[in-house]
Amino acid sequence: MTGRLEGQHIIVTGGSRGIGAAIVEKSLAEGARISVIDIDTTAGLSLANGLEADRFVFAPGDIRSAADISAFHELAVANFGPVTGLVNNAGRNSYADPLKMTEIEWDEVFAVDLKAAWLCARAVLPAMIAARRGSIVNIASVHADQTYKGYFPYAAAKSGLVGLTRSLALEVGPNQVRVNAVSPGWTETFLVAEYLATQPPEMRKQVLAAHPMGRIAKPTEIANCAAFLLSDEASFVTGANWRVDGGLGARFAG
């Protein structure tokens, strides 16, 4: 299907690579105009080089900063008009010892994985509420429900993001604005590759064996779900957390 995001203006945070880049490409294919903010300037400019300049804009920025978000939002609106969709995709992993982690390290994790989603939503919601139309998709994780030892406090941050999704959906639902979460499982991204590189070689085999489908996701498979939630086809879907994990969460361990 093509064209189901025709006429929409969608912001994607952290959209320069991985799941974010896949969402950008899928949304463009569906007819949207896309604005991307990412702290990785090199990756953002590289992505921009291969896309249509009249429907895509990239700007470097730090989503932990309300000032950066505000400046980016102004730029995005100046280019493509009011924002109709927001994908809070930017995130970071955390591998911390709960007894040794510092307050600063804790705050850095939550600033990216949770606070930034609220800051970005706060920027785009006034126009969505005024138009009585809009969709926010928060990219959470299966870690919101189940996690691994050594991932502290990533699961707490992603659980918070799912909670924010539900709470915000109730607040803006009367204005016909929808808020949903997508919780990917193992996906072929840089962050997953980075993690597996620190593990014994047999770890990847164990991961694949744990999946009922015998494989992990491609970023495009997460993007397909996000595109649906951004579209009018999901017009009565809000406050939900969509797990895209290949059935991983449906099985017992062992």
Protein backbone atom coordinates (compact mmCIF):
# COMPACT_ATOMS: atom_id res chain seq x y z
CA MET A 1 0.00 0.00 0.00
CA THR A 2 1.16 3.53 -0.72
CA GLY A 3 -0.32 6.92 0.02
CA ARG A 4 -1.85 6.25 3.43
CA LEU A 5 0.29 9.03 4.96
CA GLU A 6 -0.31 11.44 2.08
CA GLY A 7 -0.44 15.05 3.27
CA GLN A 8 1.00 14.27 6.69
CA HIS A 9 4.03 15.96 8.26
CA ILE A 10 5.81 13.58 10.60
CA ILE A 11 8.70 14.25 12.97
CA VAL A 12 10.99 11.32 13.73
CA THR A 13 13.52 11.69 16.53
CA GLY A 14 16.74 9.74 16.20
CA GLY A 15 15.75 9.00 12.63
CA SER A 16 19.20 8.75 11.07
CA ARG A 17 19.72 5.01 11.35
CA GLY A 18 18.21 1.73 12.50
CA ILE A 19 14.50 1.65 13.27
CA GLY A 20 14.26 5.43 12.97
CA ALA A 21 15.67 5.47 9.44
CA ALA A 22 13.35 2.61 8.47
CA ILE A 23 10.37 4.62 9.75
CA VAL A 24 11.55 7.63 7.74
CA GLU A 25 11.82 5.61 4.54
CA LYS A 26 8.49 3.84 5.08
CA SER A 27 6.69 7.12 5.83
CA LEU A 28 8.15 8.77 2.74
CA ALA A 29 7.01 5.81 0.65
CA GLU A 30 3.52 6.31 2.08
CA GLY A 31 3.47 9.95 0.97
CA ALA A 32 4.46 11.86 4.12
CA ARG A 33 6.81 14.77 4.54
CA ILE A 34 9.42 14.03 7.19
CA SER A 35 11.48 16.11 9.60
CA VAL A 36 14.27 14.38 11.52
CA ILE A 37 16.23 15.53 14.54
CA ASP A 38 19.26 13.53 15.59
CA ILE A 39 22.40 14.15 17.60
CA ASP A 40 24.38 12.15 15.01
CA THR A 41 24.98 14.81 12.36
CA THR A 42 27.08 12.58 10.11
CA ALA A 43 24.44 9.86 9.91
CA GLY A 44 21.67 12.42 9.44
CA LEU A 45 23.38 14.15 6.54
CA SER A 46 24.18 10.77 4.98
CA LEU A 47 20.52 9.76 5.14
CA ALA A 48 19.44 13.11 3.71
CA ASN A 49 21.71 12.69 0.69
CA GLY A 50 19.62 9.80 -0.58
CA LEU A 51 16.17 11.34 -0.04
CA GLU A 52 13.95 13.89 -1.75
CA ALA A 53 14.82 17.35 -0.42
CA ASP A 54 11.29 18.64 -1.03
CA ARG A 55 9.83 16.09 1.41
CA PHE A 56 12.64 15.57 3.91
CA VAL A 57 14.56 17.85 6.25
CA PHE A 58 17.26 16.94 8.75
CA ALA A 59 18.57 19.10 11.56
CA PRO A 60 21.12 18.18 14.22
CA GLY A 61 19.86 18.59 17.74
CA ASP A 62 19.77 17.16 21.24
CA ILE A 63 16.33 15.95 22.30
CA ARG A 64 17.36 16.28 25.94
CA SER A 65 17.20 20.04 25.39
CA ALA A 66 13.82 21.80 25.30
CA ALA A 67 15.51 24.69 23.48
CA ASP A 68 16.83 22.38 20.74
CA ILE A 69 13.41 20.78 20.35
CA SER A 70 11.71 24.17 20.11
CA ALA A 71 14.16 25.43 17.48
CA PHE A 72 13.82 22.22 15.48
CA HIS A 73 10.03 22.31 15.69
CA GLU A 74 10.01 25.86 14.31
CA LEU A 75 12.25 24.78 11.43
CA ALA A 76 10.09 21.75 10.68
CA VAL A 77 6.86 23.76 10.65
CA ALA A 78 8.46 26.44 8.47
CA ASN A 79 9.34 23.78 5.92
CA PHE A 80 6.28 21.54 5.91
CA GLY A 81 3.53 23.11 8.01
CA PRO A 82 1.92 21.83 11.22
CA VAL A 83 3.08 18.46 12.50
CA THR A 84 0.45 15.71 12.25
CA GLY A 85 2.59 12.81 13.45
CA LEU A 86 5.43 12.34 15.92
CA VAL A 87 7.60 9.27 16.36
CA ASN A 88 9.62 9.38 19.57
CA ASN A 89 12.23 6.92 18.38
CA ALA A 90 15.49 8.26 19.84
CA GLY A 91 16.76 6.18 22.72
CA ARG A 92 19.79 4.71 24.39
CA ASN A 93 20.66 1.44 26.07
CA SER A 94 21.95 1.23 29.60
CA TYR A 95 24.14 -1.42 31.20
CA ALA A 96 24.58 -0.16 34.75
CA ASP A 97 25.15 -1.59 38.18
CA PRO A 98 22.33 -0.28 40.41
CA LEU A 99 24.77 0.13 43.30
CA LYS A 100 27.44 1.92 41.31
CA MET A 101 25.39 3.98 38.88
CA THR A 102 25.61 7.71 39.59
CA GLU A 103 22.71 10.15 39.67
CA ILE A 104 24.10 11.86 36.60
CA GLU A 105 24.19 8.56 34.69
CA TRP A 106 20.63 7.78 35.79
CA ASP A 107 19.41 11.19 34.67
CA GLU A 108 21.11 10.80 31.28
CA VAL A 109 19.25 7.56 30.59
CA PHE A 110 15.86 8.95 31.57
CA ALA A 111 16.46 12.24 29.77
CA VAL A 112 16.74 10.40 26.45
CA ASP A 113 14.43 7.42 26.93
CA LEU A 114 11.56 9.13 28.75
CA LYS A 115 11.76 12.89 29.33
CA ALA A 116 12.52 13.68 25.69
CA ALA A 117 9.32 11.96 24.55
CA TRP A 118 7.30 14.31 26.75
CA LEU A 119 9.26 17.37 25.59
CA CYS A 120 8.67 16.50 21.93
CA ALA A 121 4.99 15.75 22.53
CA ARG A 122 4.62 19.06 24.34
CA ALA A 123 5.98 20.86 21.29
CA VAL A 124 3.66 19.29 18.71
CA LEU A 125 0.45 18.79 20.67
CA PRO A 126 -0.96 22.35 20.56
CA ALA A 127 -1.31 22.22 16.76
CA MET A 128 -2.67 18.65 16.86
CA ILE A 129 -5.26 19.60 19.46
CA ALA A 130 -6.28 22.67 17.47
CA ALA A 131 -6.68 20.55 14.32
CA ARG A 132 -8.35 17.70 16.26
CA ARG A 133 -6.05 15.32 14.45
CA GLY A 134 -2.70 13.76 15.22
CA SER A 135 -0.82 10.63 16.14
CA ILE A 136 2.13 10.11 18.45
CA VAL A 137 4.05 6.82 18.37
CA ASN A 138 6.53 6.11 21.14
CA ILE A 139 9.14 3.48 20.38
CA ALA A 140 9.41 1.55 23.65
CA SER A 141 10.76 -2.00 24.01
CA VAL A 142 9.84 -5.47 25.18
CA HIS A 143 12.06 -4.54 28.13
CA ALA A 144 9.04 -2.58 29.39
CA ASP A 145 7.54 -5.96 30.35
CA GLN A 146 10.50 -8.32 30.72
CA THR A 147 14.20 -7.70 30.80
CA TYR A 148 17.71 -9.06 31.38
CA LYS A 149 20.08 -8.75 34.29
CA GLY A 150 22.62 -6.08 33.47
CA TYR A 151 20.19 -3.80 31.61
CA PHE A 152 19.56 -1.53 34.59
CA PRO A 153 17.74 0.87 34.41
CA TYR A 154 16.69 0.52 30.74
CA ALA A 155 13.58 -1.49 31.61
CA ALA A 156 12.47 1.17 34.09
CA ALA A 157 12.80 3.92 31.48
CA LYS A 158 10.93 1.96 28.81
CA SER A 159 8.22 0.98 31.29
CA GLY A 160 7.87 4.66 32.02
CA LEU A 161 7.52 5.40 28.32
CA VAL A 162 4.63 2.93 28.03
CA GLY A 163 3.04 4.51 31.09
CA LEU A 164 3.47 7.96 29.55
CA THR A 165 1.79 6.63 26.41
CA ARG A 166 -1.32 5.52 28.32
CA SER A 167 -1.50 8.67 30.40
CA LEU A 168 -1.04 11.04 27.47
CA ALA A 169 -3.60 9.12 25.41
CA LEU A 170 -6.21 9.80 28.08
CA GLU A 171 -5.31 13.48 28.24
CA VAL A 172 -5.57 14.21 24.51
CA GLY A 173 -8.10 11.58 23.44
CA PRO A 174 -11.06 13.99 23.66
CA ASN A 175 -9.27 16.10 21.04
CA GLN A 176 -9.10 13.10 18.66
CA VAL A 177 -5.31 12.88 19.04
CA ARG A 178 -3.97 9.35 19.43
CA VAL A 179 -0.92 8.15 21.39
CA ASN A 180 0.43 4.62 21.11
CA ALA A 181 3.62 2.71 21.81
CA VAL A 182 5.47 0.15 19.74
CA SER A 183 7.64 -2.29 21.67
CA PRO A 184 10.16 -3.99 19.41
CA GLY A 185 11.96 -7.11 20.45
CA TRP A 186 15.35 -8.10 19.09
CA THR A 187 15.92 -6.12 15.89
CA GLU A 188 18.89 -5.92 13.52
CA THR A 189 20.07 -2.46 14.57
CA PHE A 190 23.36 -0.84 15.56
CA LEU A 191 22.42 -1.01 19.26
CA VAL A 192 21.75 -4.74 19.06
CA ALA A 193 24.95 -5.33 17.11
CA GLU A 194 26.82 -3.29 19.73
CA TYR A 195 25.37 -5.44 22.52
CA LEU A 196 26.04 -8.77 20.81
CA ALA A 197 29.62 -7.72 20.14
CA THR A 198 30.19 -7.69 23.90
CA GLN A 199 28.79 -11.21 24.35
CA PRO A 200 30.16 -14.71 23.68
CA PRO A 201 29.70 -15.87 20.03
CA GLU A 202 27.04 -18.41 21.02
CA MET A 203 24.81 -15.63 22.34
CA ARG A 204 23.34 -14.90 18.92
CA LYS A 205 22.44 -18.56 18.46
CA GLN A 206 20.69 -18.56 21.83
CA VAL A 207 18.76 -15.44 20.90
CA LEU A 208 17.56 -16.92 17.60
CA ALA A 209 16.61 -20.19 19.29
CA ALA A 210 14.43 -18.32 21.79
CA HIS A 211 12.27 -16.85 19.03
CA PRO A 212 9.27 -18.89 17.83
CA MET A 213 9.96 -17.58 14.31
CA GLY A 214 13.64 -18.52 14.52
CA ARG A 215 14.89 -15.04 13.63
CA ILE A 216 14.94 -11.47 14.86
CA ALA A 217 13.21 -8.50 13.27
CA LYS A 218 14.33 -6.28 10.45
CA PRO A 219 13.93 -2.54 11.10
CA THR A 220 11.40 -2.36 8.26
CA GLU A 221 9.09 -4.71 10.16
CA ILE A 222 8.97 -2.29 13.09
CA ALA A 223 8.47 0.60 10.68
CA ASN A 224 5.44 -1.09 9.12
CA CYS A 225 3.68 -1.13 12.49
CA ALA A 226 4.60 2.48 13.22
CA ALA A 227 3.28 3.60 9.82
CA PHE A 228 -0.05 1.90 10.52
CA LEU A 229 -0.39 3.66 13.87
CA LEU A 230 0.44 7.01 12.26
CA SER A 231 -2.21 6.50 9.59
CA ASP A 232 -5.95 7.04 9.64
CA GLU A 233 -6.36 3.27 9.39
CA ALA A 234 -5.62 3.23 13.12
CA SER A 235 -8.19 5.95 13.82
CA PHE A 236 -9.66 4.13 16.86
CA VAL A 237 -6.37 2.86 18.29
CA THR A 238 -4.97 4.81 21.23
CA GLY A 239 -3.35 4.14 24.59
CA ALA A 240 -2.05 0.80 23.33
CA ASN A 241 1.36 -0.88 23.42
CA TRP A 242 2.00 -2.90 20.28
CA ARG A 243 4.59 -5.64 20.78
CA VAL A 244 6.54 -6.45 17.63
CA ASP A 245 8.72 -9.25 18.94
CA GLY A 246 8.12 -12.30 16.74
CA GLY A 247 6.30 -14.07 19.58
CA LEU A 248 9.24 -13.85 22.00
CA GLY A 249 7.04 -12.65 24.85
CA ALA A 250 4.51 -15.43 24.32
CA ARG A 251 6.75 -18.24 25.53
CA PHE A 252 8.18 -19.45 28.82
CA ALA A 253 11.93 -19.33 29.32
CA GLY A 254 13.76 -22.58 28.84
